[in-house]
Amino acid sequence: MSKTQSTIARPTDEHLAELYTAQRLGCPDIAKLYQRDAKTVRYWLKRAGIPTRPRGSDSAQWFVRGGDPRSFSGTKHSAASRALIAIGSKGRKPYLRDGKHWLHTVPADQNPNWKGGVTPERQEFYRTREWKAAAKAVWRREDACCQRCKLDWRTVDRASTPTFHIHHVISFAVREQRAVVGNLVLLCRPCHYWVHSNENEQRAFLAEREA
């Protein structure tokens, strides 16, 4: 039940700590008491500064207690639901149309993931020798350092630090500039995201107008 539907007042932070920490009730248990969603209870805990347990850690206790009655208990699927389940159990895949994924049966520009068709072309280009040679030249020229924050790739923990990107000053959409070393800049991933964000008001590392 959502907050707007519940008639039970939210617990104080002290009482919330008592329920969660002392009594070891989980978010679903507390949510049931206050007619809220478990995510709402977790938000209360975070806002109150109460350390939370890993998600799912309370589920084992639920099974030990034998479980609680659930709203679906004692109900049955409708005939229509059973028919759909039966169809699915026979290997039918709803996303297929005449054996093809439905996204392949509609015009490309109606696909919700459509980006103008550049992604496969970009992936293919990044496999070419021309691009690999340009990338190596950029890494050598920049001395393996991000050109915005100066982070040195050789000094970071590579297991936890996001990878570096080679950024196109003039957009990748301009074919003749794709592998021009002078058009490429080495950036760490956070800086690369910043360059393309609204925070980059001065349009650093960008051409006057991206194609």
C-alpha atoms as a PDB file:
ATOM      1  CA  MET A   1       0.000   0.000   0.000  1.00  0.00           C
ATOM      2  CA  SER A   2       1.356   3.420  -0.893  1.00  0.00           C
ATOM      3  CA  LYS A   3       1.943   6.284   1.481  1.00  0.00           C
ATOM      4  CA  THR A   4      -1.057   8.186   0.192  1.00  0.00           C
ATOM      5  CA  GLN A   5      -3.364   5.217   0.890  1.00  0.00           C
ATOM      6  CA  SER A   6      -2.095   4.370   4.361  1.00  0.00           C
ATOM      7  CA  THR A   7      -3.950   5.683   7.406  1.00  0.00           C
ATOM      8  CA  ILE A   8      -1.134   4.737   9.796  1.00  0.00           C
ATOM      9  CA  ALA A   9       1.319   7.461  10.761  1.00  0.00           C
ATOM     10  CA  ARG A  10       5.013   7.003   9.974  1.00  0.00           C
ATOM     11  CA  PRO A  11       7.063   5.686  12.945  1.00  0.00           C
ATOM     12  CA  THR A  12       9.569   7.948  14.655  1.00  0.00           C
ATOM     13  CA  ASP A  13      13.230   7.371  13.882  1.00  0.00           C
ATOM     14  CA  GLU A  14      13.722   5.941  17.376  1.00  0.00           C
ATOM     15  CA  HIS A  15      10.880   3.453  16.996  1.00  0.00           C
ATOM     16  CA  LEU A  16      12.085   2.581  13.494  1.00  0.00           C
ATOM     17  CA  ALA A  17      15.530   1.806  14.916  1.00  0.00           C
ATOM     18  CA  GLU A  18      13.907  -0.358  17.604  1.00  0.00           C
ATOM     19  CA  LEU A  19      11.959  -2.367  15.025  1.00  0.00           C
ATOM     20  CA  TYR A  20      14.792  -2.767  12.526  1.00  0.00           C
ATOM     21  CA  THR A  21      17.867  -3.023  14.757  1.00  0.00           C
ATOM     22  CA  ALA A  22      16.658  -4.392  18.082  1.00  0.00           C
ATOM     23  CA  GLN A  23      13.765  -6.574  16.920  1.00  0.00           C
ATOM     24  CA  ARG A  24      15.501  -7.446  13.632  1.00  0.00           C
ATOM     25  CA  LEU A  25      12.377  -6.910  11.566  1.00  0.00           C
ATOM     26  CA  GLY A  26      13.027  -6.589   7.842  1.00  0.00           C
ATOM     27  CA  CYS A  27      11.772  -3.842   5.555  1.00  0.00           C
ATOM     28  CA  PRO A  28       8.849  -5.993   4.303  1.00  0.00           C
ATOM     29  CA  ASP A  29       7.806  -6.711   7.920  1.00  0.00           C
ATOM     30  CA  ILE A  30       7.865  -3.041   8.893  1.00  0.00           C
ATOM     31  CA  ALA A  31       6.133  -2.092   5.651  1.00  0.00           C
ATOM     32  CA  LYS A  32       3.306  -4.474   6.491  1.00  0.00           C
ATOM     33  CA  LEU A  33       2.885  -2.903   9.950  1.00  0.00           C
ATOM     34  CA  TYR A  34       2.641   0.616   8.516  1.00  0.00           C
ATOM     35  CA  GLN A  35       0.875  -0.226   5.258  1.00  0.00           C
ATOM     36  CA  ARG A  36       3.755   1.022   3.151  1.00  0.00           C
ATOM     37  CA  ASP A  37       5.994  -0.358   0.454  1.00  0.00           C
ATOM     38  CA  ALA A  38       9.268  -2.008   1.561  1.00  0.00           C
ATOM     39  CA  LYS A  39      11.213   0.512  -0.535  1.00  0.00           C
ATOM     40  CA  THR A  40       9.600   3.326   1.430  1.00  0.00           C
ATOM     41  CA  VAL A  41      10.757   1.744   4.681  1.00  0.00           C
ATOM     42  CA  ARG A  42      14.290   1.410   3.327  1.00  0.00           C
ATOM     43  CA  TYR A  43      14.185   5.105   2.418  1.00  0.00           C
ATOM     44  CA  TRP A  44      13.115   5.932   5.997  1.00  0.00           C
ATOM     45  CA  LEU A  45      16.076   3.955   7.326  1.00  0.00           C
ATOM     46  CA  LYS A  46      18.546   5.699   5.035  1.00  0.00           C
ATOM     47  CA  ARG A  47      17.165   9.137   5.899  1.00  0.00           C
ATOM     48  CA  ALA A  48      17.326   8.366   9.621  1.00  0.00           C
ATOM     49  CA  GLY A  49      20.948   7.245   9.299  1.00  0.00           C
ATOM     50  CA  ILE A  50      20.156   3.712  10.476  1.00  0.00           C
ATOM     51  CA  PRO A  51      22.678   1.200   9.057  1.00  0.00           C
ATOM     52  CA  THR A  52      20.862  -1.239   6.779  1.00  0.00           C
ATOM     53  CA  ARG A  53      21.493  -4.913   6.229  1.00  0.00           C
ATOM     54  CA  PRO A  54      22.250  -6.239   2.711  1.00  0.00           C
ATOM     55  CA  ARG A  55      19.173  -6.698   0.575  1.00  0.00           C
ATOM     56  CA  GLY A  56      17.764 -10.216   0.848  1.00  0.00           C
ATOM     57  CA  SER A  57      19.528 -10.981   4.119  1.00  0.00           C
ATOM     58  CA  ASP A  58      16.198 -11.108   5.964  1.00  0.00           C
ATOM     59  CA  SER A  59      14.600 -13.598   3.560  1.00  0.00           C
ATOM     60  CA  ALA A  60      16.213 -16.572   5.319  1.00  0.00           C
ATOM     61  CA  GLN A  61      14.530 -15.521   8.567  1.00  0.00           C
ATOM     62  CA  TRP A  62      11.193 -15.388   6.772  1.00  0.00           C
ATOM     63  CA  PHE A  63      11.570 -19.042   5.757  1.00  0.00           C
ATOM     64  CA  VAL A  64      12.679 -20.039   9.261  1.00  0.00           C
ATOM     65  CA  ARG A  65       9.502 -18.500  10.666  1.00  0.00           C
ATOM     66  CA  GLY A  66       7.482 -20.555   8.237  1.00  0.00           C
ATOM     67  CA  GLY A  67       6.552 -17.598   6.128  1.00  0.00           C
ATOM     68  CA  ASP A  68       3.643 -15.210   6.452  1.00  0.00           C
ATOM     69  CA  PRO A  69       0.299 -15.368   4.671  1.00  0.00           C
ATOM     70  CA  ARG A  70       0.528 -13.697   1.308  1.00  0.00           C
ATOM     71  CA  SER A  71      -2.230 -11.924  -0.580  1.00  0.00           C
ATOM     72  CA  PHE A  72      -2.128 -14.527  -3.380  1.00  0.00           C
ATOM     73  CA  SER A  73      -2.626 -17.429  -0.957  1.00  0.00           C
ATOM     74  CA  GLY A  74      -5.811 -19.410  -1.678  1.00  0.00           C
ATOM     75  CA  THR A  75      -6.506 -17.747  -5.025  1.00  0.00           C
ATOM     76  CA  LYS A  76      -6.405 -19.388  -8.424  1.00  0.00           C
ATOM     77  CA  HIS A  77      -5.453 -18.304 -11.914  1.00  0.00           C
ATOM     78  CA  SER A  78      -8.311 -17.425 -14.227  1.00  0.00           C
ATOM     79  CA  ALA A  79      -8.996 -19.638 -17.227  1.00  0.00           C
ATOM     80  CA  ALA A  80      -7.450 -16.986 -19.481  1.00  0.00           C
ATOM     81  CA  SER A  81      -4.284 -16.879 -17.357  1.00  0.00           C
ATOM     82  CA  ARG A  82      -4.001 -20.659 -17.378  1.00  0.00           C
ATOM     83  CA  ALA A  83      -4.347 -20.659 -21.160  1.00  0.00           C
ATOM     84  CA  LEU A  84      -1.524 -18.140 -21.504  1.00  0.00           C
ATOM     85  CA  ILE A  85       0.666 -20.160 -19.148  1.00  0.00           C
ATOM     86  CA  ALA A  86      -0.048 -23.289 -21.163  1.00  0.00           C
ATOM     87  CA  ILE A  87       0.987 -21.537 -24.365  1.00  0.00           C
ATOM     88  CA  GLY A  88       4.184 -20.309 -22.758  1.00  0.00           C
ATOM     89  CA  SER A  89       5.014 -23.744 -21.412  1.00  0.00           C
ATOM     90  CA  LYS A  90       4.975 -25.147 -24.943  1.00  0.00           C
ATOM     91  CA  GLY A  91       7.940 -23.039 -25.951  1.00  0.00           C
ATOM     92  CA  ARG A  92       6.111 -20.017 -27.333  1.00  0.00           C
ATOM     93  CA  LYS A  93       8.146 -16.819 -27.093  1.00  0.00           C
ATOM     94  CA  PRO A  94       5.885 -13.739 -27.033  1.00  0.00           C
ATOM     95  CA  TYR A  95       8.621 -11.458 -28.382  1.00  0.00           C
ATOM     96  CA  LEU A  96       8.893 -13.504 -31.597  1.00  0.00           C
ATOM     97  CA  ARG A  97       6.739 -12.834 -34.634  1.00  0.00           C
ATOM     98  CA  ASP A  98       6.891 -15.520 -37.305  1.00  0.00           C
ATOM     99  CA  GLY A  99      10.135 -16.703 -35.758  1.00  0.00           C
ATOM    100  CA  LYS A 100      11.769 -13.245 -35.707  1.00  0.00           C
ATOM    101  CA  HIS A 101      12.232 -10.819 -32.830  1.00  0.00           C
ATOM    102  CA  TRP A 102       9.469  -8.215 -33.072  1.00  0.00           C
ATOM    103  CA  LEU A 103      12.002  -5.381 -33.125  1.00  0.00           C
ATOM    104  CA  HIS A 104      13.302  -6.798 -36.413  1.00  0.00           C
ATOM    105  CA  THR A 105       9.804  -6.697 -37.940  1.00  0.00           C
ATOM    106  CA  VAL A 106       9.258  -2.935 -37.608  1.00  0.00           C
ATOM    107  CA  PRO A 107      10.968  -0.094 -39.477  1.00  0.00           C
ATOM    108  CA  ALA A 108      14.297   0.794 -37.917  1.00  0.00           C
ATOM    109  CA  ASP A 109      13.229   4.330 -36.999  1.00  0.00           C
ATOM    110  CA  GLN A 110      10.321   2.909 -34.947  1.00  0.00           C
ATOM    111  CA  ASN A 111      12.611   0.810 -32.792  1.00  0.00           C
ATOM    112  CA  PRO A 112      12.753   2.370 -29.277  1.00  0.00           C
ATOM    113  CA  ASN A 113      16.540   1.864 -29.274  1.00  0.00           C
ATOM    114  CA  TRP A 114      17.083   3.474 -32.679  1.00  0.00           C
ATOM    115  CA  LYS A 115      20.007   5.920 -32.746  1.00  0.00           C
ATOM    116  CA  GLY A 116      20.208   6.546 -36.454  1.00  0.00           C
ATOM    117  CA  GLY A 117      21.974   3.322 -37.355  1.00  0.00           C
ATOM    118  CA  VAL A 118      25.428   4.497 -36.274  1.00  0.00           C
ATOM    119  CA  THR A 119      26.082   1.947 -33.501  1.00  0.00           C
ATOM    120  CA  PRO A 120      26.877  -1.119 -35.697  1.00  0.00           C
ATOM    121  CA  GLU A 121      28.907   1.133 -37.981  1.00  0.00           C
ATOM    122  CA  ARG A 122      30.835   2.494 -34.988  1.00  0.00           C
ATOM    123  CA  GLN A 123      31.566  -1.000 -33.681  1.00  0.00           C
ATOM    124  CA  GLU A 124      32.764  -2.126 -37.090  1.00  0.00           C
ATOM    125  CA  PHE A 125      35.006   0.914 -37.448  1.00  0.00           C
ATOM    126  CA  TYR A 126      36.630   0.341 -34.049  1.00  0.00           C
ATOM    127  CA  ARG A 127      37.784  -3.077 -35.301  1.00  0.00           C
ATOM    128  CA  THR A 128      39.743  -1.623 -38.211  1.00  0.00           C
ATOM    129  CA  ARG A 129      43.540  -1.303 -38.350  1.00  0.00           C
ATOM    130  CA  GLU A 130      43.133   2.385 -39.136  1.00  0.00           C
ATOM    131  CA  TRP A 131      41.383   3.037 -35.815  1.00  0.00           C
ATOM    132  CA  LYS A 132      43.730   0.832 -33.784  1.00  0.00           C
ATOM    133  CA  ALA A 133      46.750   2.702 -35.154  1.00  0.00           C
ATOM    134  CA  ALA A 134      45.143   6.073 -34.373  1.00  0.00           C
ATOM    135  CA  ALA A 135      44.254   4.949 -30.846  1.00  0.00           C
ATOM    136  CA  LYS A 136      47.822   3.845 -30.120  1.00  0.00           C
ATOM    137  CA  ALA A 137      49.130   7.180 -31.382  1.00  0.00           C
ATOM    138  CA  VAL A 138      46.758   9.083 -29.071  1.00  0.00           C
ATOM    139  CA  TRP A 139      47.785   7.050 -26.018  1.00  0.00           C
ATOM    140  CA  ARG A 140      51.454   7.762 -26.788  1.00  0.00           C
ATOM    141  CA  ARG A 141      50.883  11.451 -27.388  1.00  0.00           C
ATOM    142  CA  GLU A 142      48.832  11.928 -24.189  1.00  0.00           C
ATOM    143  CA  ASP A 143      51.307   9.833 -22.190  1.00  0.00           C
ATOM    144  CA  ALA A 144      48.393   7.723 -20.864  1.00  0.00           C
ATOM    145  CA  CYS A 145      46.937  10.708 -18.967  1.00  0.00           C
ATOM    146  CA  CYS A 146      43.434  12.164 -19.049  1.00  0.00           C
ATOM    147  CA  GLN A 147      43.677  15.532 -20.758  1.00  0.00           C
ATOM    148  CA  ARG A 148      41.110  17.138 -18.457  1.00  0.00           C
ATOM    149  CA  CYS A 149      41.886  15.940 -14.915  1.00  0.00           C
ATOM    150  CA  LYS A 150      45.423  14.648 -15.673  1.00  0.00           C
ATOM    151  CA  LEU A 151      44.690  11.246 -14.100  1.00  0.00           C
ATOM    152  CA  ASP A 152      47.540   8.888 -15.006  1.00  0.00           C
ATOM    153  CA  TRP A 153      46.314   5.466 -16.111  1.00  0.00           C
ATOM    154  CA  ARG A 154      49.556   3.860 -14.911  1.00  0.00           C
ATOM    155  CA  THR A 155      49.007   4.978 -11.311  1.00  0.00           C
ATOM    156  CA  VAL A 156      45.402   3.884 -10.770  1.00  0.00           C
ATOM    157  CA  ASP A 157      43.880   0.652  -9.526  1.00  0.00           C
ATOM    158  CA  ARG A 158      42.790  -0.800 -12.859  1.00  0.00           C
ATOM    159  CA  ALA A 159      40.388  -3.221 -11.176  1.00  0.00           C
ATOM    160  CA  SER A 160      38.252  -0.393  -9.790  1.00  0.00           C
ATOM    161  CA  THR A 161      38.990   2.693 -11.902  1.00  0.00           C
ATOM    162  CA  PRO A 162      36.738   3.230 -14.942  1.00  0.00           C
ATOM    163  CA  THR A 163      38.462   2.799 -18.266  1.00  0.00           C
ATOM    164  CA  PHE A 164      39.751   5.682 -20.372  1.00  0.00           C
ATOM    165  CA  HIS A 165      38.015   6.745 -23.581  1.00  0.00           C
ATOM    166  CA  ILE A 166      39.270   8.289 -26.791  1.00  0.00           C
ATOM    167  CA  HIS A 167      37.016  11.255 -27.464  1.00  0.00           C
ATOM    168  CA  HIS A 168      36.213  12.756 -30.880  1.00  0.00           C
ATOM    169  CA  VAL A 169      36.399  16.570 -30.786  1.00  0.00           C
ATOM    170  CA  ILE A 170      34.588  16.679 -34.109  1.00  0.00           C
ATOM    171  CA  SER A 171      31.758  14.168 -33.927  1.00  0.00           C
ATOM    172  CA  PHE A 172      32.214  10.554 -34.979  1.00  0.00           C
ATOM    173  CA  ALA A 173      29.439  11.224 -37.491  1.00  0.00           C
ATOM    174  CA  VAL A 174      31.960  13.154 -39.633  1.00  0.00           C
ATOM    175  CA  ARG A 175      33.550  10.202 -41.416  1.00  0.00           C
ATOM    176  CA  GLU A 176      36.718  11.887 -42.623  1.00  0.00           C
ATOM    177  CA  GLN A 177      37.646  12.912 -39.052  1.00  0.00           C
ATOM    178  CA  ARG A 178      37.094   9.545 -37.356  1.00  0.00           C
ATOM    179  CA  ALA A 179      40.704   8.415 -37.301  1.00  0.00           C
ATOM    180  CA  VAL A 180      42.485  11.771 -37.508  1.00  0.00           C
ATOM    181  CA  VAL A 181      44.808  11.805 -34.496  1.00  0.00           C
ATOM    182  CA  GLY A 182      44.531  15.584 -34.177  1.00  0.00           C
ATOM    183  CA  ASN A 183      40.776  15.194 -33.688  1.00  0.00           C
ATOM    184  CA  LEU A 184      41.162  12.693 -30.842  1.00  0.00           C
ATOM    185  CA  VAL A 185      41.678  13.287 -27.112  1.00  0.00           C
ATOM    186  CA  LEU A 186      42.284  10.799 -24.303  1.00  0.00           C
ATOM    187  CA  LEU A 187      39.868  11.242 -21.382  1.00  0.00           C
ATOM    188  CA  CYS A 188      38.942   9.180 -18.332  1.00  0.00           C
ATOM    189  CA  ARG A 189      35.339   8.026 -18.394  1.00  0.00           C
ATOM    190  CA  PRO A 190      34.005  10.579 -15.836  1.00  0.00           C
ATOM    191  CA  CYS A 191      35.642  13.415 -17.755  1.00  0.00           C
ATOM    192  CA  HIS A 192      34.327  12.072 -21.058  1.00  0.00           C
ATOM    193  CA  TYR A 193      30.783  12.061 -19.639  1.00  0.00           C
ATOM    194  CA  TRP A 194      31.349  15.615 -18.362  1.00  0.00           C
ATOM    195  CA  VAL A 195      32.419  16.807 -21.806  1.00  0.00           C
ATOM    196  CA  HIS A 196      29.093  15.682 -23.275  1.00  0.00           C
ATOM    197  CA  SER A 197      27.023  16.972 -20.339  1.00  0.00           C
ATOM    198  CA  ASN A 198      25.262  20.297 -19.826  1.00  0.00           C
ATOM    199  CA  GLU A 199      27.909  21.180 -17.240  1.00  0.00           C
ATOM    200  CA  ASN A 200      30.398  21.738 -20.060  1.00  0.00           C
ATOM    201  CA  GLU A 201      29.109  25.228 -20.739  1.00  0.00           C
ATOM    202  CA  GLN A 202      32.331  26.333 -22.442  1.00  0.00           C
ATOM    203  CA  ARG A 203      32.183  23.291 -24.752  1.00  0.00           C
ATOM    204  CA  ALA A 204      35.697  22.188 -23.840  1.00  0.00           C
ATOM    205  CA  PHE A 205      37.071  19.417 -26.061  1.00  0.00           C
ATOM    206  CA  LEU A 206      34.214  19.943 -28.531  1.00  0.00           C
ATOM    207  CA  ALA A 207      34.175  21.480 -31.972  1.00  0.00           C
ATOM    208  CA  GLU A 208      32.280  24.729 -32.349  1.00  0.00           C
ATOM    209  CA  ARG A 209      29.357  22.719 -33.609  1.00  0.00           C
ATOM    210  CA  GLU A 210      29.102  18.947 -33.458  1.00  0.00           C
ATOM    211  CA  ALA A 211      27.794  17.361 -36.647  1.00  0.00           C
END
